[in-house]
Amino acid sequence: MADLFSEEWMTRFQNEWNNEPELADALAKIEFSSTIGYGIDGEDQPRGVLVVEMGQVVKAGAYAGEELSWDLRASQANWEKWIAKGLGMMGLGMAYTSRKLKFQVGDYGAMIKDPRMAKPFIKSFSIMGRV
């Protein structure tokens, strides 16, 4: 398996994302476009990045200084656990309130209150498990 959030891992994540209607199509319906960083808590910058336009990932790879709309951080162990088991709405809330999942950039509150964004966000964790 490729290293978590490496160039290879992010490219595989892009392919899974774009092939998942509950993620790509759902986000296209709300015209979601963002640059999302993924990384390890405590590191200076994210390791990987996705550029999403109208729900589709158009660029994926190693983080290279892009301006981020979202920057998600957790420990390596927590990422691995969520990738293996997925993360439901209740688990997401627990991860956020216990600071196991940190939003360095991005508005967790606004996202979680909008089911059109929250459901695809949750789905992205199960997609990670396919990588």
C-alpha atoms as a PDB file:
ATOM      1  CA  MET A   1       0.000   0.000   0.000  1.00  0.00           C
ATOM      2  CA  ALA A   2       1.221   3.501  -0.802  1.00  0.00           C
ATOM      3  CA  ASP A   3       2.151   5.773   2.091  1.00  0.00           C
ATOM      4  CA  LEU A   4      -0.807   7.650   3.523  1.00  0.00           C
ATOM      5  CA  PHE A   5      -1.436  10.905   1.600  1.00  0.00           C
ATOM      6  CA  SER A   6       1.545  10.362  -0.721  1.00  0.00           C
ATOM      7  CA  GLU A   7       1.308  11.362  -4.389  1.00  0.00           C
ATOM      8  CA  GLU A   8       0.361   7.778  -5.341  1.00  0.00           C
ATOM      9  CA  TRP A   9      -2.167   7.454  -2.505  1.00  0.00           C
ATOM     10  CA  MET A  10      -3.828  10.767  -3.378  1.00  0.00           C
ATOM     11  CA  THR A  11      -4.101   9.810  -7.059  1.00  0.00           C
ATOM     12  CA  ARG A  12      -5.825   6.564  -6.104  1.00  0.00           C
ATOM     13  CA  PHE A  13      -8.107   8.539  -3.752  1.00  0.00           C
ATOM     14  CA  GLN A  14      -8.980  10.854  -6.665  1.00  0.00           C
ATOM     15  CA  ASN A  15     -10.025   7.897  -8.809  1.00  0.00           C
ATOM     16  CA  GLU A  16     -12.189   6.411  -6.056  1.00  0.00           C
ATOM     17  CA  TRP A  17     -13.742   9.817  -5.281  1.00  0.00           C
ATOM     18  CA  ASN A  18     -14.650  10.516  -8.901  1.00  0.00           C
ATOM     19  CA  ASN A  19     -16.163   7.037  -9.337  1.00  0.00           C
ATOM     20  CA  GLU A  20     -18.433   7.332  -6.288  1.00  0.00           C
ATOM     21  CA  PRO A  21     -21.832   8.914  -7.108  1.00  0.00           C
ATOM     22  CA  GLU A  22     -22.658   9.467  -3.422  1.00  0.00           C
ATOM     23  CA  LEU A  23     -19.618  11.691  -3.245  1.00  0.00           C
ATOM     24  CA  ALA A  24     -18.806  13.281  -6.624  1.00  0.00           C
ATOM     25  CA  ASP A  25     -22.358  13.531  -7.961  1.00  0.00           C
ATOM     26  CA  ALA A  26     -23.784  14.683  -4.623  1.00  0.00           C
ATOM     27  CA  LEU A  27     -21.203  17.466  -4.399  1.00  0.00           C
ATOM     28  CA  ALA A  28     -21.707  18.434  -8.048  1.00  0.00           C
ATOM     29  CA  LYS A  29     -25.398  19.061  -7.286  1.00  0.00           C
ATOM     30  CA  ILE A  30     -24.425  21.750  -4.755  1.00  0.00           C
ATOM     31  CA  GLU A  31     -21.648  23.106  -6.998  1.00  0.00           C
ATOM     32  CA  PHE A  32     -18.992  22.216  -4.423  1.00  0.00           C
ATOM     33  CA  SER A  33     -15.490  23.349  -5.320  1.00  0.00           C
ATOM     34  CA  SER A  34     -12.641  23.377  -2.790  1.00  0.00           C
ATOM     35  CA  THR A  35      -9.002  22.644  -2.204  1.00  0.00           C
ATOM     36  CA  ILE A  36      -8.686  20.077   0.579  1.00  0.00           C
ATOM     37  CA  GLY A  37      -5.490  19.247   2.444  1.00  0.00           C
ATOM     38  CA  TYR A  38      -4.982  16.033   4.400  1.00  0.00           C
ATOM     39  CA  GLY A  39      -2.239  15.565   6.931  1.00  0.00           C
ATOM     40  CA  ILE A  40      -0.889  14.417  10.237  1.00  0.00           C
ATOM     41  CA  ASP A  41      -1.589  16.434  13.370  1.00  0.00           C
ATOM     42  CA  GLY A  42       1.488  18.307  14.544  1.00  0.00           C
ATOM     43  CA  GLU A  43       3.154  18.545  11.135  1.00  0.00           C
ATOM     44  CA  ASP A  44       3.736  21.999   9.644  1.00  0.00           C
ATOM     45  CA  GLN A  45       1.724  21.375   6.502  1.00  0.00           C
ATOM     46  CA  PRO A  46      -0.599  18.762   5.046  1.00  0.00           C
ATOM     47  CA  ARG A  47       0.914  15.848   3.137  1.00  0.00           C
ATOM     48  CA  GLY A  48      -1.668  15.526   0.364  1.00  0.00           C
ATOM     49  CA  VAL A  49      -4.143  17.722  -1.456  1.00  0.00           C
ATOM     50  CA  LEU A  50      -7.270  17.344  -3.589  1.00  0.00           C
ATOM     51  CA  VAL A  51      -8.578  20.093  -5.835  1.00  0.00           C
ATOM     52  CA  VAL A  52     -12.324  19.617  -6.307  1.00  0.00           C
ATOM     53  CA  GLU A  53     -14.287  21.436  -8.986  1.00  0.00           C
ATOM     54  CA  MET A  54     -18.048  20.945  -9.175  1.00  0.00           C
ATOM     55  CA  GLY A  55     -17.760  17.741  -7.126  1.00  0.00           C
ATOM     56  CA  GLN A  56     -15.020  16.120  -9.261  1.00  0.00           C
ATOM     57  CA  VAL A  57     -11.393  15.899  -8.174  1.00  0.00           C
ATOM     58  CA  VAL A  58      -9.402  17.550 -10.961  1.00  0.00           C
ATOM     59  CA  LYS A  59      -6.009  17.403  -9.257  1.00  0.00           C
ATOM     60  CA  ALA A  60      -4.553  15.190  -6.563  1.00  0.00           C
ATOM     61  CA  GLY A  61      -1.074  14.803  -5.190  1.00  0.00           C
ATOM     62  CA  ALA A  62       1.451  15.943  -2.649  1.00  0.00           C
ATOM     63  CA  TYR A  63       0.771  19.291  -1.028  1.00  0.00           C
ATOM     64  CA  ALA A  64       2.733  22.031  -2.785  1.00  0.00           C
ATOM     65  CA  GLY A  65       1.677  25.220  -1.035  1.00  0.00           C
ATOM     66  CA  GLU A  66      -1.840  25.503  -2.456  1.00  0.00           C
ATOM     67  CA  GLU A  67      -4.257  27.827  -0.664  1.00  0.00           C
ATOM     68  CA  LEU A  68      -6.597  25.502   1.213  1.00  0.00           C
ATOM     69  CA  SER A  69     -10.336  25.704   1.746  1.00  0.00           C
ATOM     70  CA  TRP A  70     -10.107  22.762   4.174  1.00  0.00           C
ATOM     71  CA  ASP A  71      -7.115  21.318   6.053  1.00  0.00           C
ATOM     72  CA  LEU A  72      -7.900  18.108   7.915  1.00  0.00           C
ATOM     73  CA  ARG A  73      -5.463  16.715  10.464  1.00  0.00           C
ATOM     74  CA  ALA A  74      -5.374  13.656  12.696  1.00  0.00           C
ATOM     75  CA  SER A  75      -2.795  11.263  14.056  1.00  0.00           C
ATOM     76  CA  GLN A  76      -1.518   8.536  11.740  1.00  0.00           C
ATOM     77  CA  ALA A  77      -3.207   5.943  13.984  1.00  0.00           C
ATOM     78  CA  ASN A  78      -6.593   7.684  13.845  1.00  0.00           C
ATOM     79  CA  TRP A  79      -6.450   8.099  10.052  1.00  0.00           C
ATOM     80  CA  GLU A  80      -5.634   4.398   9.725  1.00  0.00           C
ATOM     81  CA  LYS A  81      -8.503   3.442  12.051  1.00  0.00           C
ATOM     82  CA  TRP A  82     -11.030   5.588  10.161  1.00  0.00           C
ATOM     83  CA  ILE A  83      -9.786   4.338   6.794  1.00  0.00           C
ATOM     84  CA  ALA A  84     -10.150   0.730   7.939  1.00  0.00           C
ATOM     85  CA  LYS A  85     -13.515   1.097   9.692  1.00  0.00           C
ATOM     86  CA  GLY A  86     -15.093   4.190   8.167  1.00  0.00           C
ATOM     87  CA  LEU A  87     -16.530   7.048  10.166  1.00  0.00           C
ATOM     88  CA  GLY A  88     -20.224   7.679  10.726  1.00  0.00           C
ATOM     89  CA  MET A  89     -21.936  10.896  11.765  1.00  0.00           C
ATOM     90  CA  MET A  90     -21.693  10.079  15.468  1.00  0.00           C
ATOM     91  CA  GLY A  91     -18.042   9.048  15.146  1.00  0.00           C
ATOM     92  CA  LEU A  92     -17.287  12.245  13.268  1.00  0.00           C
ATOM     93  CA  GLY A  93     -18.826  14.326  16.029  1.00  0.00           C
ATOM     94  CA  MET A  94     -16.827  12.446  18.663  1.00  0.00           C
ATOM     95  CA  ALA A  95     -13.612  12.762  16.646  1.00  0.00           C
ATOM     96  CA  TYR A  96     -14.138  16.502  16.275  1.00  0.00           C
ATOM     97  CA  THR A  97     -15.140  17.270  19.874  1.00  0.00           C
ATOM     98  CA  SER A  98     -12.301  15.137  21.268  1.00  0.00           C
ATOM     99  CA  ARG A  99      -9.860  16.913  18.894  1.00  0.00           C
ATOM    100  CA  LYS A 100      -8.860  13.638  17.224  1.00  0.00           C
ATOM    101  CA  LEU A 101      -9.883  15.217  13.916  1.00  0.00           C
ATOM    102  CA  LYS A 102      -8.833  18.835  13.556  1.00  0.00           C
ATOM    103  CA  PHE A 103      -9.920  21.331  10.965  1.00  0.00           C
ATOM    104  CA  GLN A 104      -6.865  23.594  10.642  1.00  0.00           C
ATOM    105  CA  VAL A 105      -8.803  25.422   7.907  1.00  0.00           C
ATOM    106  CA  GLY A 106     -12.524  25.113   7.155  1.00  0.00           C
ATOM    107  CA  ASP A 107     -15.793  25.528   8.992  1.00  0.00           C
ATOM    108  CA  TYR A 108     -16.774  22.219  10.574  1.00  0.00           C
ATOM    109  CA  GLY A 109     -19.960  23.698  12.043  1.00  0.00           C
ATOM    110  CA  ALA A 110     -21.281  24.970   8.723  1.00  0.00           C
ATOM    111  CA  MET A 111     -20.411  21.713   6.968  1.00  0.00           C
ATOM    112  CA  ILE A 112     -21.991  19.388   9.536  1.00  0.00           C
ATOM    113  CA  LYS A 113     -25.241  21.412   9.636  1.00  0.00           C
ATOM    114  CA  ASP A 114     -25.736  21.010   5.886  1.00  0.00           C
ATOM    115  CA  PRO A 115     -26.655  17.383   5.048  1.00  0.00           C
ATOM    116  CA  ARG A 116     -25.768  18.054   1.402  1.00  0.00           C
ATOM    117  CA  MET A 117     -22.157  18.476   2.553  1.00  0.00           C
ATOM    118  CA  ALA A 118     -22.084  16.283   5.652  1.00  0.00           C
ATOM    119  CA  LYS A 119     -23.182  13.062   3.945  1.00  0.00           C
ATOM    120  CA  PRO A 120     -20.526  13.268   1.210  1.00  0.00           C
ATOM    121  CA  PHE A 121     -17.901  14.196   3.817  1.00  0.00           C
ATOM    122  CA  ILE A 122     -18.735  11.045   5.779  1.00  0.00           C
ATOM    123  CA  LYS A 123     -18.689   9.062   2.514  1.00  0.00           C
ATOM    124  CA  SER A 124     -15.157  10.287   1.792  1.00  0.00           C
ATOM    125  CA  PHE A 125     -13.889   8.252   4.761  1.00  0.00           C
ATOM    126  CA  SER A 126     -15.302   5.009   3.344  1.00  0.00           C
ATOM    127  CA  ILE A 127     -13.790   5.903  -0.039  1.00  0.00           C
ATOM    128  CA  MET A 128     -10.397   6.204   1.651  1.00  0.00           C
ATOM    129  CA  GLY A 129     -10.783   2.569   2.654  1.00  0.00           C
ATOM    130  CA  ARG A 130     -10.776   1.587  -1.045  1.00  0.00           C
ATOM    131  CA  VAL A 131      -7.370   3.163  -1.605  1.00  0.00           C
END
